[in-house]
Amino acid sequence: MEVDGRRGIVFERVEGPTLLNRIAAQPWRLAWAARRLAELQAQMHAVSAPDFPSQREELVRKIRNLPDEAATVKERALAALAQLPDGDSLCHGDFHPDNVVLTARGPIVIDWAATVRGHPLADAARTSLLLQVGAVPPGTPGRWLIEAGRALFHRLYLRRYLQLRRAARTQLEVWRLPIAAARLEEGIPEERAWLLALVRERLRR
């Protein structure tokens, strides 16, 4: 709509903590939160979205935008992507615990700017990556506990999601190289070293 000569989208205001806030405030509910994240994503992936932009085209664009010195990464990631299946499921593109708001009427997923149609396991691989990427800064109080909790959350989320989708871990793993290469293109300095290590490990396989 237009307001005072400016065009924009009006969003519904939703009240409540995010799933990440809930985990921080009630860490004993970590297992519940991990399973809930997986269940919400599986529900989303059951929806067909034929009119949305292509997930594959978006991944190709990001990988091709990597700097020239990453030519080997680009070539191998694009080759891996070419072997993977298409899909027309509704894929959020940035699904993580801070994009789920726990309202009085139930959880609401926010931040749909990166939404595409594509393969569910690619979207789950992206979520898996987001749950792992970035180290807790040295000197952070309770750092070892935070990292252990994050690793447990990731394991529980992945186990529940694959159970719901009746998919094998190996079916998701094949998406990691193109998904990590595409994430590299986003240029987040704190993630670069970790992502490069992951990409190199995948290239050695």
Foldseek 3Di string as FASTA:
>chain_A
DDDPRDDDDDDDDFDAAFLVVVCVVPVVCLLVSLLVLLVVLLVQQVAFAQPFAFPLVLLLVLLVLPDPVCVVLSVVLNVLSVPADWFGTWAQQQRERRQWGQGPVGIDGDDSPPIGGTDSLLSVLLHLCVLPFFQDDPPPVPRVVVNVSSVVSSVSNVVSNCVSVVHDPVSSVSNNSSSLSSVVSVPDVRRNVVSVVVNVVVVVD
